[in-house]
Amino acid sequence: MIPQELYNQILENIPIACVDVAIVAQGNVLLVRRKDAPAQGQWWVPGGRVLKGEMMKATAYRKAKDEVGIACHIGPIIHTAETIFPDGPEGIAVHSINSCFFLYPVQPDFSLSLDAHHQEYRWVNQIGGDLHPYVQRCLLGAGLEPM
């Protein structure tokens, strides 16, 4: 991986390519509460950085497996946007270019296992107004309706 000092320089100077995943099961979409900046404490769809040489669909699969322990089939991109957070790691603002994929579990009887970067999860079947606008649009793209 990249040494922290170099990564901080990257965050200070260029946007980061990210993939998020709207995992849909039985009409619900999975949200996770973030432990880390940016968006610390917020409900979000799982996801993160695309690695050099990694195709975006591969990133979507990896993020679902690594962050919540669910092997998923990868569907289409359902939303693309930019986010800018002033509260990034070490006080550095984070500018990311995000594409959210529609995913569904390979097995109907999967078990969920959160990684160390998330403190809890919930399944939602409606779009709450308390969610970040990017997350709301991902949920809309996954077929959910506003409350």
Protein backbone atom coordinates (compact mmCIF):
# COMPACT_ATOMS: atom_id res chain seq x y z
CA MET A 1 0.00 0.00 0.00
CA ILE A 2 0.94 3.65 -0.18
CA PRO A 3 2.86 5.19 2.75
CA GLN A 4 0.65 7.59 4.74
CA GLU A 5 2.70 10.69 3.88
CA LEU A 6 2.38 10.03 0.15
CA TYR A 7 -1.32 9.21 0.48
CA ASN A 8 -1.87 12.52 2.27
CA GLN A 9 -0.20 14.34 -0.64
CA ILE A 10 -2.48 12.50 -3.08
CA LEU A 11 -5.59 13.44 -1.05
CA GLU A 12 -4.45 17.07 -0.99
CA ASN A 13 -4.04 17.24 -4.77
CA ILE A 14 -6.28 14.88 -6.74
CA PRO A 15 -9.73 13.25 -6.53
CA ILE A 16 -9.94 9.59 -5.57
CA ALA A 17 -11.84 7.05 -7.72
CA CYS A 18 -14.29 5.09 -5.56
CA VAL A 19 -16.87 2.36 -6.03
CA ASP A 20 -19.85 1.99 -3.73
CA VAL A 21 -22.31 -0.88 -3.62
CA ALA A 22 -26.06 -0.97 -3.07
CA ILE A 23 -26.53 -4.57 -1.92
CA VAL A 24 -30.19 -5.50 -2.43
CA ALA A 25 -31.80 -8.47 -0.67
CA GLN A 26 -35.54 -9.12 -0.31
CA GLY A 27 -36.39 -5.55 -1.35
CA ASN A 28 -34.03 -3.95 1.17
CA VAL A 29 -30.68 -2.20 0.73
CA LEU A 30 -27.79 -2.53 3.17
CA LEU A 31 -26.38 0.56 4.89
CA VAL A 32 -23.36 0.64 7.20
CA ARG A 33 -22.40 3.25 9.80
CA ARG A 34 -18.90 4.57 9.12
CA LYS A 35 -16.28 4.58 11.91
CA ASP A 36 -13.70 6.57 9.93
CA ALA A 37 -13.48 9.99 8.33
CA PRO A 38 -14.76 11.16 5.98
CA ALA A 39 -18.46 10.91 6.83
CA GLN A 40 -17.64 9.39 10.21
CA GLY A 41 -20.79 8.25 12.02
CA GLN A 42 -22.98 8.53 8.91
CA TRP A 43 -25.03 5.77 7.33
CA TRP A 44 -23.51 4.92 3.95
CA VAL A 45 -23.44 2.22 1.30
CA PRO A 46 -20.32 0.01 1.53
CA GLY A 47 -17.48 0.96 -0.77
CA GLY A 48 -14.12 2.58 -1.23
CA ARG A 49 -11.12 3.17 -3.44
CA VAL A 50 -10.44 1.51 -6.76
CA LEU A 51 -6.97 -0.02 -6.78
CA LYS A 52 -4.52 0.51 -9.64
CA GLY A 53 -5.18 -2.14 -12.31
CA GLU A 54 -8.49 -3.18 -10.73
CA MET A 55 -11.61 -2.96 -12.87
CA MET A 56 -14.56 -1.22 -11.21
CA LYS A 57 -16.73 -4.37 -11.17
CA ALA A 58 -13.90 -6.19 -9.42
CA THR A 59 -13.75 -3.35 -6.88
CA ALA A 60 -17.50 -3.70 -6.26
CA TYR A 61 -17.12 -7.44 -5.62
CA ARG A 62 -14.09 -6.89 -3.35
CA LYS A 63 -15.79 -4.14 -1.33
CA ALA A 64 -18.91 -6.24 -0.69
CA LYS A 65 -16.81 -9.22 0.36
CA ASP A 66 -14.24 -7.32 2.44
CA GLU A 67 -16.51 -4.78 4.14
CA VAL A 68 -19.62 -6.85 4.88
CA GLY A 69 -18.62 -10.44 4.08
CA ILE A 70 -21.17 -11.00 1.31
CA ALA A 71 -20.29 -12.56 -2.05
CA CYS A 72 -22.44 -10.75 -4.62
CA HIS A 73 -23.43 -10.75 -8.25
CA ILE A 74 -22.53 -7.40 -9.81
CA GLY A 75 -25.22 -5.47 -11.65
CA PRO A 76 -25.08 -2.12 -13.42
CA ILE A 77 -23.89 1.26 -12.20
CA ILE A 78 -26.98 2.98 -10.76
CA HIS A 79 -25.51 6.34 -9.76
CA THR A 80 -22.33 8.34 -10.37
CA ALA A 81 -21.42 11.56 -8.57
CA GLU A 82 -18.69 13.45 -6.78
CA THR A 83 -18.45 13.98 -3.05
CA ILE A 84 -16.27 16.49 -1.24
CA PHE A 85 -15.80 16.13 2.51
CA PRO A 86 -13.86 18.63 4.61
CA ASP A 87 -13.47 16.01 7.38
CA GLY A 88 -11.06 13.56 5.75
CA PRO A 89 -8.27 11.63 7.43
CA GLU A 90 -5.74 13.79 9.26
CA GLY A 91 -7.88 16.86 8.53
CA ILE A 92 -7.38 16.66 4.76
CA ALA A 93 -10.47 17.32 2.65
CA VAL A 94 -11.44 14.33 0.49
CA HIS A 95 -12.72 14.74 -3.07
CA SER A 96 -13.92 11.46 -4.55
CA ILE A 97 -15.53 10.43 -7.81
CA ASN A 98 -18.04 7.69 -6.91
CA SER A 99 -19.88 5.09 -8.95
CA CYS A 100 -22.49 3.03 -7.14
CA PHE A 101 -23.24 -0.49 -8.41
CA PHE A 102 -26.40 -2.55 -7.90
CA LEU A 103 -25.43 -5.87 -6.23
CA TYR A 104 -27.32 -8.87 -4.96
CA PRO A 105 -26.04 -11.77 -2.83
CA VAL A 106 -24.93 -14.99 -4.54
CA GLN A 107 -26.49 -17.08 -1.75
CA PRO A 108 -29.99 -16.36 -0.38
CA ASP A 109 -28.91 -17.45 3.12
CA PHE A 110 -25.76 -15.31 3.48
CA SER A 111 -24.32 -14.14 6.77
CA LEU A 112 -23.11 -10.60 7.24
CA SER A 113 -19.77 -9.71 8.83
CA LEU A 114 -18.65 -6.08 9.24
CA ASP A 115 -15.01 -5.07 8.85
CA ALA A 116 -13.19 -2.84 11.35
CA HIS A 117 -14.24 0.37 9.54
CA HIS A 118 -17.96 0.03 10.25
CA GLN A 119 -19.72 -0.06 13.61
CA GLU A 120 -23.19 -1.29 12.70
CA TYR A 121 -25.52 -2.02 9.80
CA ARG A 122 -29.16 -1.81 8.91
CA TRP A 123 -31.38 -2.84 6.02
CA VAL A 124 -33.67 -0.15 4.63
CA ASN A 125 -36.65 -0.33 2.28
CA GLN A 126 -37.28 3.42 2.04
CA ILE A 127 -35.07 6.48 1.58
CA GLY A 128 -34.77 8.47 4.80
CA GLY A 129 -34.30 12.22 4.65
CA ASP A 130 -31.52 12.02 7.24
CA LEU A 131 -29.16 10.33 4.75
CA HIS A 132 -26.46 12.10 2.76
CA PRO A 133 -27.80 13.16 -0.69
CA TYR A 134 -25.34 10.82 -2.44
CA VAL A 135 -26.64 7.84 -0.43
CA GLN A 136 -30.23 8.90 -1.12
CA ARG A 137 -29.55 8.86 -4.87
CA CYS A 138 -27.87 5.44 -4.64
CA LEU A 139 -30.95 4.08 -2.88
CA LEU A 140 -33.22 5.68 -5.46
CA GLY A 141 -31.15 4.01 -8.20
CA ALA A 142 -31.57 0.69 -6.35
CA GLY A 143 -35.35 1.05 -6.61
CA LEU A 144 -36.29 2.41 -3.19
CA GLU A 145 -38.82 5.20 -2.69
CA PRO A 146 -38.52 8.23 -0.37
CA MET A 147 -40.32 8.04 2.99
